[in-house]
Amino acid sequence: MKPVERILEALKQGSFTAKQLQQMTGSQNIHVILNYLTKKNKIKKEKGQKNLESSGPKAVYFYSLTAAEAVETVAETANQDA
């Protein structure tokens, strides 16, 4: 399975940060792949905050499937179940 496919498969479970996706998929150049998928409108990138005890809030980006990609995923699942 290619890194792009592994990332899309992981994002079917929810939204994750780049570091979480890298740990889940084992992809080395995760930011390049995520930027590519964002430009192709396969995933969306949303800014959020993570609170750290020692240094306070830190800005992070969460990646998730776009609405069109999520509908495509549901259709694939329905076809496999039928």
C-alpha atoms as a PDB file:
ATOM      1  CA  MET A   1       0.000   0.000   0.000  1.00  0.00           C
ATOM      2  CA  LYS A   2       1.325   3.437  -0.930  1.00  0.00           C
ATOM      3  CA  PRO A   3       1.829   6.158   1.728  1.00  0.00           C
ATOM      4  CA  VAL A   4      -1.043   8.239   0.308  1.00  0.00           C
ATOM      5  CA  GLU A   5      -3.399   5.268   0.594  1.00  0.00           C
ATOM      6  CA  ARG A   6      -2.249   4.537   4.147  1.00  0.00           C
ATOM      7  CA  ILE A   7      -2.881   8.159   5.165  1.00  0.00           C
ATOM      8  CA  LEU A   8      -6.359   8.226   3.597  1.00  0.00           C
ATOM      9  CA  GLU A   9      -7.141   4.906   5.281  1.00  0.00           C
ATOM     10  CA  ALA A  10      -6.029   6.298   8.670  1.00  0.00           C
ATOM     11  CA  LEU A  11      -8.109   9.467   8.216  1.00  0.00           C
ATOM     12  CA  LYS A  12     -11.263   7.349   7.836  1.00  0.00           C
ATOM     13  CA  GLN A  13     -11.059   6.904  11.627  1.00  0.00           C
ATOM     14  CA  GLY A  14     -11.142  10.643  12.386  1.00  0.00           C
ATOM     15  CA  SER A  15      -8.982  13.759  12.376  1.00  0.00           C
ATOM     16  CA  PHE A  16      -5.332  13.643  13.425  1.00  0.00           C
ATOM     17  CA  THR A  17      -2.236  15.821  13.574  1.00  0.00           C
ATOM     18  CA  ALA A  18       0.686  15.272  11.201  1.00  0.00           C
ATOM     19  CA  LYS A  19       2.749  13.669  13.960  1.00  0.00           C
ATOM     20  CA  GLN A  20      -0.047  11.241  14.829  1.00  0.00           C
ATOM     21  CA  LEU A  21      -0.451  10.301  11.161  1.00  0.00           C
ATOM     22  CA  GLN A  22       3.281   9.761  10.820  1.00  0.00           C
ATOM     23  CA  GLN A  23       3.267   7.398  13.784  1.00  0.00           C
ATOM     24  CA  MET A  24       0.211   5.537  12.490  1.00  0.00           C
ATOM     25  CA  THR A  25       1.414   5.093   8.908  1.00  0.00           C
ATOM     26  CA  GLY A  26       5.201   5.125   9.208  1.00  0.00           C
ATOM     27  CA  SER A  27       5.538   7.659   6.365  1.00  0.00           C
ATOM     28  CA  GLN A  28       8.818   9.573   6.371  1.00  0.00           C
ATOM     29  CA  ASN A  29       7.850  12.674   4.352  1.00  0.00           C
ATOM     30  CA  ILE A  30       4.444  13.213   5.938  1.00  0.00           C
ATOM     31  CA  HIS A  31       4.244  17.002   5.464  1.00  0.00           C
ATOM     32  CA  VAL A  32       4.903  16.753   1.717  1.00  0.00           C
ATOM     33  CA  ILE A  33       2.158  14.143   1.333  1.00  0.00           C
ATOM     34  CA  LEU A  34      -0.312  16.099   3.477  1.00  0.00           C
ATOM     35  CA  ASN A  35       0.307  19.297   1.482  1.00  0.00           C
ATOM     36  CA  TYR A  36      -0.219  17.354  -1.764  1.00  0.00           C
ATOM     37  CA  LEU A  37      -3.509  15.862  -0.510  1.00  0.00           C
ATOM     38  CA  THR A  38      -4.679  19.274   0.736  1.00  0.00           C
ATOM     39  CA  LYS A  39      -4.018  20.893  -2.647  1.00  0.00           C
ATOM     40  CA  LYS A  40      -5.895  18.060  -4.405  1.00  0.00           C
ATOM     41  CA  ASN A  41      -8.877  18.647  -2.021  1.00  0.00           C
ATOM     42  CA  LYS A  42      -8.719  15.084  -0.711  1.00  0.00           C
ATOM     43  CA  ILE A  43      -8.247  16.230   2.888  1.00  0.00           C
ATOM     44  CA  LYS A  44      -8.829  19.433   4.816  1.00  0.00           C
ATOM     45  CA  LYS A  45      -6.497  21.195   7.212  1.00  0.00           C
ATOM     46  CA  GLU A  46      -7.885  22.958  10.282  1.00  0.00           C
ATOM     47  CA  LYS A  47      -5.963  24.980  12.834  1.00  0.00           C
ATOM     48  CA  GLY A  48      -6.415  24.095  16.479  1.00  0.00           C
ATOM     49  CA  GLN A  49      -4.628  24.400  19.803  1.00  0.00           C
ATOM     50  CA  LYS A  50      -2.931  21.878  22.011  1.00  0.00           C
ATOM     51  CA  ASN A  51      -2.407  22.854  25.647  1.00  0.00           C
ATOM     52  CA  LEU A  52       0.999  22.012  27.054  1.00  0.00           C
ATOM     53  CA  GLU A  53       1.475  22.098  30.809  1.00  0.00           C
ATOM     54  CA  SER A  54       4.900  23.714  30.773  1.00  0.00           C
ATOM     55  CA  SER A  55       4.616  26.272  27.971  1.00  0.00           C
ATOM     56  CA  GLY A  56       0.893  26.885  27.497  1.00  0.00           C
ATOM     57  CA  PRO A  57      -1.141  26.588  24.299  1.00  0.00           C
ATOM     58  CA  LYS A  58       0.515  25.638  21.014  1.00  0.00           C
ATOM     59  CA  ALA A  59      -0.978  25.914  17.507  1.00  0.00           C
ATOM     60  CA  VAL A  60      -1.323  22.584  15.670  1.00  0.00           C
ATOM     61  CA  TYR A  61      -3.056  21.516  12.468  1.00  0.00           C
ATOM     62  CA  PHE A  62      -5.610  18.735  12.330  1.00  0.00           C
ATOM     63  CA  TYR A  63      -6.156  16.844   9.088  1.00  0.00           C
ATOM     64  CA  SER A  64      -9.395  15.085   8.146  1.00  0.00           C
ATOM     65  CA  LEU A  65     -11.189  13.840   5.057  1.00  0.00           C
ATOM     66  CA  THR A  66     -13.182  16.352   3.015  1.00  0.00           C
ATOM     67  CA  ALA A  67     -16.934  15.863   2.679  1.00  0.00           C
ATOM     68  CA  ALA A  68     -16.570  14.547  -0.891  1.00  0.00           C
ATOM     69  CA  GLU A  69     -13.906  12.049   0.141  1.00  0.00           C
ATOM     70  CA  ALA A  70     -16.014  10.886   3.116  1.00  0.00           C
ATOM     71  CA  VAL A  71     -19.036  10.282   0.854  1.00  0.00           C
ATOM     72  CA  GLU A  72     -16.816   8.295  -1.508  1.00  0.00           C
ATOM     73  CA  THR A  73     -15.633   6.189   1.436  1.00  0.00           C
ATOM     74  CA  VAL A  74     -19.210   5.452   2.538  1.00  0.00           C
ATOM     75  CA  ALA A  75     -20.137   4.462  -1.028  1.00  0.00           C
ATOM     76  CA  GLU A  76     -17.149   2.083  -1.213  1.00  0.00           C
ATOM     77  CA  THR A  77     -18.161   0.482   2.092  1.00  0.00           C
ATOM     78  CA  ALA A  78     -21.750   0.058   0.914  1.00  0.00           C
ATOM     79  CA  ASN A  79     -20.594  -1.585  -2.305  1.00  0.00           C
ATOM     80  CA  GLN A  80     -18.384  -3.999  -0.383  1.00  0.00           C
ATOM     81  CA  ASP A  81     -21.225  -4.926   1.980  1.00  0.00           C
ATOM     82  CA  ALA A  82     -23.673  -5.600  -0.863  1.00  0.00           C
END
